[in-house]
Amino acid sequence: MALKRMDNVGIVVEDLAAAIDFYRELGLELEGQATIEGEWAGRVTGLGDQHVEIAMLRTPDGHSRLELSRFIKPDVVADHRNAPVNALGYLRAMFTVDDIDETLERLRSRGAELVGEVVRYKDAYRLCYIRGPEGLLIGLAQELG
């Protein structure tokens, strides 16, 4: 059996509304929001009885999704939001944008901060990392040529 696709990447946040606003400003489209709770969900996650608010956002091309989750129950047990770029584990999502400078300007109004600087990789890309809502690391890439 072959892999068909990657459905989504999940990010746990404290402020779901602010995270939704930020990713919508980036260009993702809100598909919907829901509350997930009960014993069945806990059997999937291994967390037992849980109560989670989620929002699913879709990239404009329709091929990728981002699932934002806010846990009401059980309590969050770890915080990796401010981990440096060389930390082990899942670290960031990378998005391709039309204009990196314009995107940075829009996202700064929502609290985004540039991690290093915008750099050029050969004649292929302009790239940077930013810290978005709650310090989450996000990569931006602008294709050149």
C-alpha atoms as a PDB file:
ATOM      1  CA  MET A   1       0.000   0.000   0.000  1.00  0.00           C
ATOM      2  CA  ALA A   2       1.351   3.442  -0.944  1.00  0.00           C
ATOM      3  CA  LEU A   3       1.109   6.645   1.021  1.00  0.00           C
ATOM      4  CA  LYS A   4      -1.656   8.812  -0.426  1.00  0.00           C
ATOM      5  CA  ARG A   5      -0.955  12.264   1.079  1.00  0.00           C
ATOM      6  CA  MET A   6      -0.160  14.220   4.222  1.00  0.00           C
ATOM      7  CA  ASP A   7      -3.462  15.553   5.560  1.00  0.00           C
ATOM      8  CA  ASN A   8      -2.325  18.209   8.028  1.00  0.00           C
ATOM      9  CA  VAL A   9       0.180  19.472  10.549  1.00  0.00           C
ATOM     10  CA  GLY A  10      -1.097  20.114  14.063  1.00  0.00           C
ATOM     11  CA  ILE A  11      -0.068  22.941  16.374  1.00  0.00           C
ATOM     12  CA  VAL A  12      -1.262  23.356  19.966  1.00  0.00           C
ATOM     13  CA  VAL A  13      -1.877  26.989  20.981  1.00  0.00           C
ATOM     14  CA  GLU A  14      -3.173  28.904  24.002  1.00  0.00           C
ATOM     15  CA  ASP A  15      -5.092  31.611  22.102  1.00  0.00           C
ATOM     16  CA  LEU A  16      -6.981  29.928  19.272  1.00  0.00           C
ATOM     17  CA  ALA A  17      -8.631  33.111  17.976  1.00  0.00           C
ATOM     18  CA  ALA A  18      -5.314  34.996  17.724  1.00  0.00           C
ATOM     19  CA  ALA A  19      -3.643  32.055  15.986  1.00  0.00           C
ATOM     20  CA  ILE A  20      -6.505  31.809  13.482  1.00  0.00           C
ATOM     21  CA  ASP A  21      -6.228  35.545  12.751  1.00  0.00           C
ATOM     22  CA  PHE A  22      -2.465  35.281  12.236  1.00  0.00           C
ATOM     23  CA  TYR A  23      -2.628  32.337   9.822  1.00  0.00           C
ATOM     24  CA  ARG A  24      -5.511  33.921   7.918  1.00  0.00           C
ATOM     25  CA  GLU A  25      -3.385  37.052   7.534  1.00  0.00           C
ATOM     26  CA  LEU A  26      -0.628  34.814   6.166  1.00  0.00           C
ATOM     27  CA  GLY A  27      -3.089  33.583   3.541  1.00  0.00           C
ATOM     28  CA  LEU A  28      -4.576  30.350   4.867  1.00  0.00           C
ATOM     29  CA  GLU A  29      -8.332  29.886   4.606  1.00  0.00           C
ATOM     30  CA  LEU A  30     -10.389  28.821   7.611  1.00  0.00           C
ATOM     31  CA  GLU A  31     -12.253  25.625   6.713  1.00  0.00           C
ATOM     32  CA  GLY A  32     -14.011  25.264  10.031  1.00  0.00           C
ATOM     33  CA  GLN A  33     -13.909  25.012  13.783  1.00  0.00           C
ATOM     34  CA  ALA A  34     -15.115  22.285  16.118  1.00  0.00           C
ATOM     35  CA  THR A  35     -14.957  20.970  19.635  1.00  0.00           C
ATOM     36  CA  ILE A  36     -13.566  17.482  20.047  1.00  0.00           C
ATOM     37  CA  GLU A  37     -14.264  15.735  23.320  1.00  0.00           C
ATOM     38  CA  GLY A  38     -15.000  12.443  24.901  1.00  0.00           C
ATOM     39  CA  GLU A  39     -13.629   9.002  25.455  1.00  0.00           C
ATOM     40  CA  TRP A  40     -13.348   8.110  21.738  1.00  0.00           C
ATOM     41  CA  ALA A  41     -10.951  11.014  21.100  1.00  0.00           C
ATOM     42  CA  GLY A  42      -8.849  10.053  24.106  1.00  0.00           C
ATOM     43  CA  ARG A  43      -8.449   6.554  22.713  1.00  0.00           C
ATOM     44  CA  VAL A  44      -6.806   8.073  19.608  1.00  0.00           C
ATOM     45  CA  THR A  45      -4.490  10.466  21.474  1.00  0.00           C
ATOM     46  CA  GLY A  46      -3.851   8.369  24.570  1.00  0.00           C
ATOM     47  CA  LEU A  47      -4.965  11.287  26.774  1.00  0.00           C
ATOM     48  CA  GLY A  48      -8.176   9.772  28.117  1.00  0.00           C
ATOM     49  CA  ASP A  49     -11.170  12.054  28.485  1.00  0.00           C
ATOM     50  CA  GLN A  50     -10.297  15.244  26.623  1.00  0.00           C
ATOM     51  CA  HIS A  51     -11.883  18.512  25.540  1.00  0.00           C
ATOM     52  CA  VAL A  52     -10.178  20.350  22.658  1.00  0.00           C
ATOM     53  CA  GLU A  53     -11.203  23.264  20.451  1.00  0.00           C
ATOM     54  CA  ILE A  54      -9.781  22.951  16.934  1.00  0.00           C
ATOM     55  CA  ALA A  55      -9.637  25.013  13.782  1.00  0.00           C
ATOM     56  CA  MET A  56      -8.671  23.638  10.376  1.00  0.00           C
ATOM     57  CA  LEU A  57      -7.032  26.013   7.896  1.00  0.00           C
ATOM     58  CA  ARG A  58      -6.228  25.266   4.246  1.00  0.00           C
ATOM     59  CA  THR A  59      -3.499  26.646   2.004  1.00  0.00           C
ATOM     60  CA  PRO A  60      -4.778  28.539  -1.061  1.00  0.00           C
ATOM     61  CA  ASP A  61      -3.756  25.690  -3.390  1.00  0.00           C
ATOM     62  CA  GLY A  62      -5.922  23.285  -1.363  1.00  0.00           C
ATOM     63  CA  HIS A  63      -3.136  20.722  -0.909  1.00  0.00           C
ATOM     64  CA  SER A  64      -2.077  21.368   2.702  1.00  0.00           C
ATOM     65  CA  ARG A  65      -3.838  21.976   5.985  1.00  0.00           C
ATOM     66  CA  LEU A  66      -2.905  23.306   9.392  1.00  0.00           C
ATOM     67  CA  GLU A  67      -4.855  22.121  12.435  1.00  0.00           C
ATOM     68  CA  LEU A  68      -4.753  24.480  15.405  1.00  0.00           C
ATOM     69  CA  SER A  69      -5.781  22.996  18.759  1.00  0.00           C
ATOM     70  CA  ARG A  70      -6.487  24.530  22.153  1.00  0.00           C
ATOM     71  CA  PHE A  71      -6.652  21.972  24.950  1.00  0.00           C
ATOM     72  CA  ILE A  72      -9.191  22.722  27.650  1.00  0.00           C
ATOM     73  CA  LYS A  73      -8.781  19.284  29.212  1.00  0.00           C
ATOM     74  CA  PRO A  74      -6.323  17.787  30.046  1.00  0.00           C
ATOM     75  CA  ASP A  75      -3.888  20.572  30.871  1.00  0.00           C
ATOM     76  CA  VAL A  76      -0.964  21.201  28.522  1.00  0.00           C
ATOM     77  CA  VAL A  77       2.129  19.433  29.919  1.00  0.00           C
ATOM     78  CA  ALA A  78       5.039  20.865  27.902  1.00  0.00           C
ATOM     79  CA  ASP A  79       5.955  24.047  26.052  1.00  0.00           C
ATOM     80  CA  HIS A  80       8.262  23.932  23.032  1.00  0.00           C
ATOM     81  CA  ARG A  81       7.234  27.225  21.442  1.00  0.00           C
ATOM     82  CA  ASN A  82      10.475  29.074  22.007  1.00  0.00           C
ATOM     83  CA  ALA A  83      12.837  26.232  21.145  1.00  0.00           C
ATOM     84  CA  PRO A  84      15.791  27.310  19.003  1.00  0.00           C
ATOM     85  CA  VAL A  85      16.056  26.292  15.355  1.00  0.00           C
ATOM     86  CA  ASN A  86      18.401  23.382  16.215  1.00  0.00           C
ATOM     87  CA  ALA A  87      16.083  21.765  18.820  1.00  0.00           C
ATOM     88  CA  LEU A  88      15.064  18.126  18.388  1.00  0.00           C
ATOM     89  CA  GLY A  89      11.549  17.296  17.258  1.00  0.00           C
ATOM     90  CA  TYR A  90       8.977  19.026  15.088  1.00  0.00           C
ATOM     91  CA  LEU A  91      10.030  22.596  14.742  1.00  0.00           C
ATOM     92  CA  ARG A  92       8.368  24.746  12.096  1.00  0.00           C
ATOM     93  CA  ALA A  93       6.095  24.975   9.122  1.00  0.00           C
ATOM     94  CA  MET A  94       7.436  26.551   5.904  1.00  0.00           C
ATOM     95  CA  PHE A  95       5.173  28.569   3.624  1.00  0.00           C
ATOM     96  CA  THR A  96       5.907  29.822   0.112  1.00  0.00           C
ATOM     97  CA  VAL A  97       4.741  33.410  -0.439  1.00  0.00           C
ATOM     98  CA  ASP A  98       4.613  35.735  -3.454  1.00  0.00           C
ATOM     99  CA  ASP A  99       6.424  38.648  -1.781  1.00  0.00           C
ATOM    100  CA  ILE A 100       8.390  38.016   1.399  1.00  0.00           C
ATOM    101  CA  ASP A 101       8.796  41.719   2.248  1.00  0.00           C
ATOM    102  CA  GLU A 102       5.082  42.461   1.926  1.00  0.00           C
ATOM    103  CA  THR A 103       4.224  39.327   3.912  1.00  0.00           C
ATOM    104  CA  LEU A 104       6.623  40.296   6.699  1.00  0.00           C
ATOM    105  CA  GLU A 105       5.104  43.764   6.867  1.00  0.00           C
ATOM    106  CA  ARG A 106       1.567  42.368   7.209  1.00  0.00           C
ATOM    107  CA  LEU A 107       2.567  39.766   9.796  1.00  0.00           C
ATOM    108  CA  ARG A 108       4.542  42.241  11.907  1.00  0.00           C
ATOM    109  CA  SER A 109       1.247  44.029  12.565  1.00  0.00           C
ATOM    110  CA  ARG A 110       0.096  40.730  14.132  1.00  0.00           C
ATOM    111  CA  GLY A 111       3.191  40.421  16.330  1.00  0.00           C
ATOM    112  CA  ALA A 112       5.555  38.453  14.073  1.00  0.00           C
ATOM    113  CA  GLU A 113       9.259  38.953  14.704  1.00  0.00           C
ATOM    114  CA  LEU A 114      12.107  38.146  12.313  1.00  0.00           C
ATOM    115  CA  VAL A 115      14.424  35.513  13.849  1.00  0.00           C
ATOM    116  CA  GLY A 116      17.573  36.268  11.858  1.00  0.00           C
ATOM    117  CA  GLU A 117      17.429  38.039   8.536  1.00  0.00           C
ATOM    118  CA  VAL A 118      15.987  37.560   5.072  1.00  0.00           C
ATOM    119  CA  VAL A 119      18.631  35.784   2.987  1.00  0.00           C
ATOM    120  CA  ARG A 120      18.990  34.842  -0.664  1.00  0.00           C
ATOM    121  CA  TYR A 121      19.767  31.241  -1.572  1.00  0.00           C
ATOM    122  CA  LYS A 122      21.395  31.264  -5.007  1.00  0.00           C
ATOM    123  CA  ASP A 123      18.921  32.376  -7.686  1.00  0.00           C
ATOM    124  CA  ALA A 124      16.226  30.124  -6.254  1.00  0.00           C
ATOM    125  CA  TYR A 125      14.752  31.607  -3.049  1.00  0.00           C
ATOM    126  CA  ARG A 126      14.636  34.386  -0.502  1.00  0.00           C
ATOM    127  CA  LEU A 127      14.141  32.800   2.917  1.00  0.00           C
ATOM    128  CA  CYS A 128      13.591  33.738   6.542  1.00  0.00           C
ATOM    129  CA  TYR A 129      12.300  32.439   9.847  1.00  0.00           C
ATOM    130  CA  ILE A 130       9.851  34.391  11.970  1.00  0.00           C
ATOM    131  CA  ARG A 131       8.294  33.885  15.372  1.00  0.00           C
ATOM    132  CA  GLY A 132       4.543  34.045  14.976  1.00  0.00           C
ATOM    133  CA  PRO A 133       1.742  33.791  17.522  1.00  0.00           C
ATOM    134  CA  GLU A 134       2.914  32.542  20.907  1.00  0.00           C
ATOM    135  CA  GLY A 135       6.523  32.359  19.653  1.00  0.00           C
ATOM    136  CA  LEU A 136       5.862  29.614  17.118  1.00  0.00           C
ATOM    137  CA  LEU A 137       8.594  29.262  14.488  1.00  0.00           C
ATOM    138  CA  ILE A 138       7.475  29.737  10.876  1.00  0.00           C
ATOM    139  CA  GLY A 139       9.569  29.682   7.704  1.00  0.00           C
ATOM    140  CA  LEU A 140       8.816  31.904   4.721  1.00  0.00           C
ATOM    141  CA  ALA A 141      10.153  31.306   1.215  1.00  0.00           C
ATOM    142  CA  GLN A 142       9.836  33.442  -1.896  1.00  0.00           C
ATOM    143  CA  GLU A 143      10.668  31.705  -5.170  1.00  0.00           C
ATOM    144  CA  LEU A 144      12.917  33.743  -7.469  1.00  0.00           C
ATOM    145  CA  GLY A 145      13.066  33.756 -11.229  1.00  0.00           C
END
